[in-house]
Amino acid sequence: MSDLRLPATDHTSRPWRIHEVADDFRLEDLWALPTPGGPDDLHHLVQQMADGKDGPDGGNPVGRFLFAVRWKLGALLGWDKPDSGVGGRVATLRDRLPDDLRDGPRGPDLGTAPFTSVFQTHDEWATEYANKTMHGVMHIGWVPDGDGGYRGQMAVLVKPNGRLGSLYMLGIKPFRYLGVYPALLRSIGREWRENAARRASRD
């Protein structure tokens, strides 16, 4: 896991379009994804993540338990009510898009998590989610891997909602690193290999 965690500059130094759209969000996490491919393969990763079978818990029992606890706690405290999300408490980031991104591909929403797509380009995809505690962005970039190929890179950007949001992000940090990210990254890598083998068999 530690070898997949990246320094913040691997995101902030790149000329991503998300910088224009979410400059008031902070970078919370940055990971290299085990998804080796060619320069034009981002769309395969986007479709995999939108249609993925395992969901954000990576199909892992520990991750599944942590998400179940989170959703139950959110229901009890009213964190996830419709009026606290995108289009309710916060405006969608699509309202901030420059014309070329607004007129370009939007990208798919996630089928297994409440993230809606903001925009997609040849090497970049952004989705957003909000509740009473925060407004978050999952940003997937497609970058050179240093060995002549390319891979995905996942950034998590957040805008906490006041003191509650800051305490919430601090409180869930250990669970993200111990139970969520390890399972999620393994799941993404496993599904990528399976899908890549299927694509190769059709060529």
C-alpha atoms as a PDB file:
ATOM      1  CA  MET A   1       0.000   0.000   0.000  1.00  0.00           C
ATOM      2  CA  SER A   2       2.688   2.509   0.960  1.00  0.00           C
ATOM      3  CA  ASP A   3       4.322   2.192  -2.462  1.00  0.00           C
ATOM      4  CA  LEU A   4       1.061   3.242  -4.098  1.00  0.00           C
ATOM      5  CA  ARG A   5       0.612   6.405  -2.039  1.00  0.00           C
ATOM      6  CA  LEU A   6       1.947   9.416  -3.919  1.00  0.00           C
ATOM      7  CA  PRO A   7       3.263  12.841  -2.855  1.00  0.00           C
ATOM      8  CA  ALA A   8       0.858  15.728  -3.322  1.00  0.00           C
ATOM      9  CA  THR A   9       3.058  17.279  -6.012  1.00  0.00           C
ATOM     10  CA  ASP A  10       2.244  14.370  -8.337  1.00  0.00           C
ATOM     11  CA  HIS A  11      -1.214  15.930  -8.527  1.00  0.00           C
ATOM     12  CA  THR A  12      -0.627  19.629  -7.939  1.00  0.00           C
ATOM     13  CA  SER A  13       2.225  19.917 -10.454  1.00  0.00           C
ATOM     14  CA  ARG A  14       0.213  18.530 -13.368  1.00  0.00           C
ATOM     15  CA  PRO A  15      -1.881  20.837 -15.544  1.00  0.00           C
ATOM     16  CA  TRP A  16      -5.154  19.122 -14.687  1.00  0.00           C
ATOM     17  CA  ARG A  17      -8.355  20.902 -15.658  1.00  0.00           C
ATOM     18  CA  ILE A  18      -9.772  20.095 -12.212  1.00  0.00           C
ATOM     19  CA  HIS A  19      -7.514  22.816 -10.796  1.00  0.00           C
ATOM     20  CA  GLU A  20      -9.655  25.390 -12.645  1.00  0.00           C
ATOM     21  CA  VAL A  21     -12.868  23.926 -11.264  1.00  0.00           C
ATOM     22  CA  ALA A  22     -12.077  22.967  -7.656  1.00  0.00           C
ATOM     23  CA  ASP A  23      -9.363  25.392  -6.557  1.00  0.00           C
ATOM     24  CA  ASP A  24     -11.083  25.813  -3.166  1.00  0.00           C
ATOM     25  CA  PHE A  25     -10.881  22.087  -2.409  1.00  0.00           C
ATOM     26  CA  ARG A  26      -7.924  20.520  -0.619  1.00  0.00           C
ATOM     27  CA  LEU A  27      -6.079  17.401  -1.699  1.00  0.00           C
ATOM     28  CA  GLU A  28      -6.829  14.712   0.893  1.00  0.00           C
ATOM     29  CA  ASP A  29      -5.332  11.567  -0.660  1.00  0.00           C
ATOM     30  CA  LEU A  30      -3.392  10.592  -3.776  1.00  0.00           C
ATOM     31  CA  TRP A  31      -2.795   7.042  -4.995  1.00  0.00           C
ATOM     32  CA  ALA A  32      -1.191   5.320  -7.965  1.00  0.00           C
ATOM     33  CA  LEU A  33      -3.618   2.790  -9.410  1.00  0.00           C
ATOM     34  CA  PRO A  34      -2.383  -0.684 -10.466  1.00  0.00           C
ATOM     35  CA  THR A  35      -3.800  -0.248 -13.961  1.00  0.00           C
ATOM     36  CA  PRO A  36      -0.964  -0.445 -16.534  1.00  0.00           C
ATOM     37  CA  GLY A  37      -1.969   0.473 -20.064  1.00  0.00           C
ATOM     38  CA  GLY A  38      -1.391   2.605 -23.100  1.00  0.00           C
ATOM     39  CA  PRO A  39      -1.809   6.352 -23.662  1.00  0.00           C
ATOM     40  CA  ASP A  40      -5.458   6.098 -24.729  1.00  0.00           C
ATOM     41  CA  ASP A  41      -6.791   3.712 -22.082  1.00  0.00           C
ATOM     42  CA  LEU A  42      -8.382   6.057 -19.544  1.00  0.00           C
ATOM     43  CA  HIS A  43     -11.841   5.359 -20.947  1.00  0.00           C
ATOM     44  CA  HIS A  44     -11.440   1.678 -20.023  1.00  0.00           C
ATOM     45  CA  LEU A  45     -10.705   2.610 -16.418  1.00  0.00           C
ATOM     46  CA  VAL A  46     -13.588   5.082 -16.296  1.00  0.00           C
ATOM     47  CA  GLN A  47     -16.036   2.453 -17.516  1.00  0.00           C
ATOM     48  CA  GLN A  48     -14.655  -0.106 -15.072  1.00  0.00           C
ATOM     49  CA  MET A  49     -15.066   2.229 -12.116  1.00  0.00           C
ATOM     50  CA  ALA A  50     -18.545   3.290 -13.212  1.00  0.00           C
ATOM     51  CA  ASP A  51     -19.707  -0.311 -13.700  1.00  0.00           C
ATOM     52  CA  GLY A  52     -17.429  -2.007 -11.141  1.00  0.00           C
ATOM     53  CA  LYS A  53     -18.897  -5.002  -9.381  1.00  0.00           C
ATOM     54  CA  ASP A  54     -17.193  -4.564  -6.004  1.00  0.00           C
ATOM     55  CA  GLY A  55     -18.156  -0.980  -5.178  1.00  0.00           C
ATOM     56  CA  PRO A  56     -16.194   1.436  -2.976  1.00  0.00           C
ATOM     57  CA  ASP A  57     -15.565  -1.233  -0.329  1.00  0.00           C
ATOM     58  CA  GLY A  58     -13.524  -3.282  -2.806  1.00  0.00           C
ATOM     59  CA  GLY A  59     -15.618  -6.360  -2.096  1.00  0.00           C
ATOM     60  CA  ASN A  60     -13.776  -6.757   1.198  1.00  0.00           C
ATOM     61  CA  PRO A  61     -15.707  -7.788   4.367  1.00  0.00           C
ATOM     62  CA  VAL A  62     -13.880  -5.221   6.514  1.00  0.00           C
ATOM     63  CA  GLY A  63     -14.542  -2.456   4.016  1.00  0.00           C
ATOM     64  CA  ARG A  64     -18.152  -3.554   3.668  1.00  0.00           C
ATOM     65  CA  PHE A  65     -18.594  -3.426   7.447  1.00  0.00           C
ATOM     66  CA  LEU A  66     -17.037   0.050   7.685  1.00  0.00           C
ATOM     67  CA  PHE A  67     -19.291   1.399   4.948  1.00  0.00           C
ATOM     68  CA  ALA A  68     -22.341  -0.186   6.584  1.00  0.00           C
ATOM     69  CA  VAL A  69     -21.454   1.527   9.871  1.00  0.00           C
ATOM     70  CA  ARG A  70     -20.903   4.823   8.046  1.00  0.00           C
ATOM     71  CA  TRP A  71     -24.260   4.716   6.257  1.00  0.00           C
ATOM     72  CA  LYS A  72     -26.071   3.748   9.475  1.00  0.00           C
ATOM     73  CA  LEU A  73     -24.423   6.587  11.378  1.00  0.00           C
ATOM     74  CA  GLY A  74     -25.252   8.975   8.551  1.00  0.00           C
ATOM     75  CA  ALA A  75     -28.906   7.924   8.643  1.00  0.00           C
ATOM     76  CA  LEU A  76     -29.096   8.434  12.404  1.00  0.00           C
ATOM     77  CA  LEU A  77     -27.464  11.887  12.271  1.00  0.00           C
ATOM     78  CA  GLY A  78     -29.093  13.052   9.043  1.00  0.00           C
ATOM     79  CA  TRP A  79     -25.796  13.470   7.168  1.00  0.00           C
ATOM     80  CA  ASP A  80     -27.027  12.027   3.889  1.00  0.00           C
ATOM     81  CA  LYS A  81     -30.411  13.629   3.374  1.00  0.00           C
ATOM     82  CA  PRO A  82     -31.084  14.638  -0.257  1.00  0.00           C
ATOM     83  CA  ASP A  83     -31.087  18.338   0.568  1.00  0.00           C
ATOM     84  CA  SER A  84     -27.557  18.063   2.006  1.00  0.00           C
ATOM     85  CA  GLY A  85     -26.007  16.785  -1.222  1.00  0.00           C
ATOM     86  CA  VAL A  86     -25.104  18.092  -4.655  1.00  0.00           C
ATOM     87  CA  GLY A  87     -27.903  20.314  -5.916  1.00  0.00           C
ATOM     88  CA  GLY A  88     -29.054  20.889  -2.332  1.00  0.00           C
ATOM     89  CA  ARG A  89     -26.541  22.133   0.225  1.00  0.00           C
ATOM     90  CA  VAL A  90     -23.914  22.647  -2.490  1.00  0.00           C
ATOM     91  CA  ALA A  91     -24.101  23.481  -6.169  1.00  0.00           C
ATOM     92  CA  THR A  92     -22.702  20.989  -8.641  1.00  0.00           C
ATOM     93  CA  LEU A  93     -19.194  21.657  -9.907  1.00  0.00           C
ATOM     94  CA  ARG A  94     -20.616  21.458 -13.414  1.00  0.00           C
ATOM     95  CA  ASP A  95     -21.835  25.019 -12.811  1.00  0.00           C
ATOM     96  CA  ARG A  96     -18.168  26.083 -12.670  1.00  0.00           C
ATOM     97  CA  LEU A  97     -17.022  24.385 -15.865  1.00  0.00           C
ATOM     98  CA  PRO A  98     -15.558  26.477 -18.682  1.00  0.00           C
ATOM     99  CA  ASP A  99     -17.432  26.169 -21.956  1.00  0.00           C
ATOM    100  CA  ASP A 100     -15.178  23.571 -23.546  1.00  0.00           C
ATOM    101  CA  LEU A 101     -15.545  21.165 -20.612  1.00  0.00           C
ATOM    102  CA  ARG A 102     -19.270  21.792 -20.274  1.00  0.00           C
ATOM    103  CA  ASP A 103     -19.766  21.045 -23.966  1.00  0.00           C
ATOM    104  CA  GLY A 104     -17.488  17.998 -23.875  1.00  0.00           C
ATOM    105  CA  PRO A 105     -18.146  14.506 -22.517  1.00  0.00           C
ATOM    106  CA  ARG A 106     -19.602  14.455 -19.026  1.00  0.00           C
ATOM    107  CA  GLY A 107     -18.618  10.879 -18.236  1.00  0.00           C
ATOM    108  CA  PRO A 108     -20.661   8.194 -16.441  1.00  0.00           C
ATOM    109  CA  ASP A 109     -21.970   8.291 -12.897  1.00  0.00           C
ATOM    110  CA  LEU A 110     -20.868   5.530 -10.515  1.00  0.00           C
ATOM    111  CA  GLY A 111     -23.312   2.679 -10.270  1.00  0.00           C
ATOM    112  CA  THR A 112     -22.211   1.440  -6.835  1.00  0.00           C
ATOM    113  CA  ALA A 113     -21.575   4.735  -5.019  1.00  0.00           C
ATOM    114  CA  PRO A 114     -23.397   8.092  -4.881  1.00  0.00           C
ATOM    115  CA  PHE A 115     -20.896   9.936  -7.100  1.00  0.00           C
ATOM    116  CA  THR A 116     -22.055  11.901 -10.142  1.00  0.00           C
ATOM    117  CA  SER A 117     -19.751  12.721 -13.022  1.00  0.00           C
ATOM    118  CA  VAL A 118     -18.546  16.286 -13.595  1.00  0.00           C
ATOM    119  CA  PHE A 119     -16.423  15.990 -16.746  1.00  0.00           C
ATOM    120  CA  GLN A 120     -14.229  13.634 -18.727  1.00  0.00           C
ATOM    121  CA  THR A 121     -11.333  14.308 -21.099  1.00  0.00           C
ATOM    122  CA  HIS A 122      -8.743  12.120 -22.797  1.00  0.00           C
ATOM    123  CA  ASP A 123      -6.645  11.904 -19.603  1.00  0.00           C
ATOM    124  CA  GLU A 124      -8.899  13.141 -16.808  1.00  0.00           C
ATOM    125  CA  TRP A 125     -12.216  12.234 -15.153  1.00  0.00           C
ATOM    126  CA  ALA A 126     -13.859  13.903 -12.175  1.00  0.00           C
ATOM    127  CA  THR A 127     -16.887  12.872 -10.120  1.00  0.00           C
ATOM    128  CA  GLU A 128     -18.428  14.547  -7.073  1.00  0.00           C
ATOM    129  CA  TYR A 129     -20.362  13.704  -3.929  1.00  0.00           C
ATOM    130  CA  ALA A 130     -21.653  15.801  -1.058  1.00  0.00           C
ATOM    131  CA  ASN A 131     -23.395  15.350   2.266  1.00  0.00           C
ATOM    132  CA  LYS A 132     -23.839  17.381   5.431  1.00  0.00           C
ATOM    133  CA  THR A 133     -20.156  17.002   6.376  1.00  0.00           C
ATOM    134  CA  MET A 134     -18.279  17.666   3.136  1.00  0.00           C
ATOM    135  CA  HIS A 135     -18.220  18.124  -0.629  1.00  0.00           C
ATOM    136  CA  GLY A 136     -15.805  15.674  -2.226  1.00  0.00           C
ATOM    137  CA  VAL A 137     -14.297  14.990  -5.634  1.00  0.00           C
ATOM    138  CA  MET A 138     -12.775  11.771  -6.919  1.00  0.00           C
ATOM    139  CA  HIS A 139     -10.353  12.713  -9.691  1.00  0.00           C
ATOM    140  CA  ILE A 140      -8.860  10.047 -11.936  1.00  0.00           C
ATOM    141  CA  GLY A 141      -5.908  11.081 -14.065  1.00  0.00           C
ATOM    142  CA  TRP A 142      -4.062   9.021 -16.683  1.00  0.00           C
ATOM    143  CA  VAL A 143      -0.314   9.514 -16.396  1.00  0.00           C
ATOM    144  CA  PRO A 144       2.993   8.100 -17.704  1.00  0.00           C
ATOM    145  CA  ASP A 145       4.280   5.377 -15.388  1.00  0.00           C
ATOM    146  CA  GLY A 146       7.985   6.065 -15.948  1.00  0.00           C
ATOM    147  CA  ASP A 147       8.538   2.764 -17.789  1.00  0.00           C
ATOM    148  CA  GLY A 148       7.090   3.666 -21.169  1.00  0.00           C
ATOM    149  CA  GLY A 149       3.496   2.928 -20.257  1.00  0.00           C
ATOM    150  CA  TYR A 150       0.622   4.660 -18.515  1.00  0.00           C
ATOM    151  CA  ARG A 151      -1.516   4.099 -15.421  1.00  0.00           C
ATOM    152  CA  GLY A 152      -4.304   5.658 -13.442  1.00  0.00           C
ATOM    153  CA  GLN A 153      -3.848   8.068 -10.561  1.00  0.00           C
ATOM    154  CA  MET A 154      -6.641   8.718  -8.047  1.00  0.00           C
ATOM    155  CA  ALA A 155      -6.888  11.980  -6.135  1.00  0.00           C
ATOM    156  CA  VAL A 156      -9.466  12.651  -3.435  1.00  0.00           C
ATOM    157  CA  LEU A 157     -10.288  16.345  -3.034  1.00  0.00           C
ATOM    158  CA  VAL A 158     -12.463  17.607  -0.204  1.00  0.00           C
ATOM    159  CA  LYS A 159     -14.145  20.758   1.016  1.00  0.00           C
ATOM    160  CA  PRO A 160     -15.231  20.140   4.636  1.00  0.00           C
ATOM    161  CA  ASN A 161     -18.440  21.757   5.845  1.00  0.00           C
ATOM    162  CA  GLY A 162     -17.201  23.798   8.799  1.00  0.00           C
ATOM    163  CA  ARG A 163     -16.046  22.278  12.085  1.00  0.00           C
ATOM    164  CA  LEU A 164     -18.293  19.236  11.698  1.00  0.00           C
ATOM    165  CA  GLY A 165     -16.726  18.433   8.354  1.00  0.00           C
ATOM    166  CA  SER A 166     -13.174  18.860   9.612  1.00  0.00           C
ATOM    167  CA  LEU A 167     -13.833  16.575  12.598  1.00  0.00           C
ATOM    168  CA  TYR A 168     -15.523  14.042  10.336  1.00  0.00           C
ATOM    169  CA  MET A 169     -12.581  13.893   7.911  1.00  0.00           C
ATOM    170  CA  LEU A 170     -10.156  13.535  10.826  1.00  0.00           C
ATOM    171  CA  GLY A 171     -12.258  10.820  12.418  1.00  0.00           C
ATOM    172  CA  ILE A 172     -12.563   8.616   9.345  1.00  0.00           C
ATOM    173  CA  LYS A 173      -8.912   8.909   8.289  1.00  0.00           C
ATOM    174  CA  PRO A 174      -7.690   5.760  10.103  1.00  0.00           C
ATOM    175  CA  PHE A 175     -10.561   3.730   8.646  1.00  0.00           C
ATOM    176  CA  ARG A 176      -9.797   4.939   5.111  1.00  0.00           C
ATOM    177  CA  TYR A 177      -6.177   3.845   5.353  1.00  0.00           C
ATOM    178  CA  LEU A 178      -6.744   0.585   7.235  1.00  0.00           C
ATOM    179  CA  GLY A 179      -9.970  -0.721   5.748  1.00  0.00           C
ATOM    180  CA  VAL A 180     -11.061   1.149   2.647  1.00  0.00           C
ATOM    181  CA  TYR A 181      -8.105   2.026   0.429  1.00  0.00           C
ATOM    182  CA  PRO A 182      -6.256  -1.328   0.633  1.00  0.00           C
ATOM    183  CA  ALA A 183      -9.349  -3.263  -0.462  1.00  0.00           C
ATOM    184  CA  LEU A 184     -10.350  -0.689  -3.064  1.00  0.00           C
ATOM    185  CA  LEU A 185      -6.936  -0.578  -4.748  1.00  0.00           C
ATOM    186  CA  ARG A 186      -6.664  -4.369  -4.796  1.00  0.00           C
ATOM    187  CA  SER A 187     -10.136  -4.587  -6.312  1.00  0.00           C
ATOM    188  CA  ILE A 188      -9.352  -2.003  -9.002  1.00  0.00           C
ATOM    189  CA  GLY A 189      -6.140  -3.826  -9.923  1.00  0.00           C
ATOM    190  CA  ARG A 190      -7.793  -7.257  -9.988  1.00  0.00           C
ATOM    191  CA  GLU A 191     -10.684  -6.093 -12.154  1.00  0.00           C
ATOM    192  CA  TRP A 192      -8.308  -4.197 -14.468  1.00  0.00           C
ATOM    193  CA  ARG A 193      -6.271  -7.348 -15.096  1.00  0.00           C
ATOM    194  CA  GLU A 194      -9.402  -9.380 -15.787  1.00  0.00           C
ATOM    195  CA  ASN A 195     -10.779  -6.775 -18.188  1.00  0.00           C
ATOM    196  CA  ALA A 196      -7.414  -6.319 -19.928  1.00  0.00           C
ATOM    197  CA  ALA A 197      -7.173 -10.089 -20.503  1.00  0.00           C
ATOM    198  CA  ARG A 198     -10.664 -10.090 -22.023  1.00  0.00           C
ATOM    199  CA  ARG A 199      -9.801  -7.188 -24.308  1.00  0.00           C
ATOM    200  CA  ALA A 200      -6.591  -8.917 -25.394  1.00  0.00           C
ATOM    201  CA  SER A 201      -8.442 -12.138 -26.196  1.00  0.00           C
ATOM    202  CA  ARG A 202     -10.747 -10.246 -28.564  1.00  0.00           C
ATOM    203  CA  ASP A 203      -7.859  -8.633 -30.492  1.00  0.00           C
END
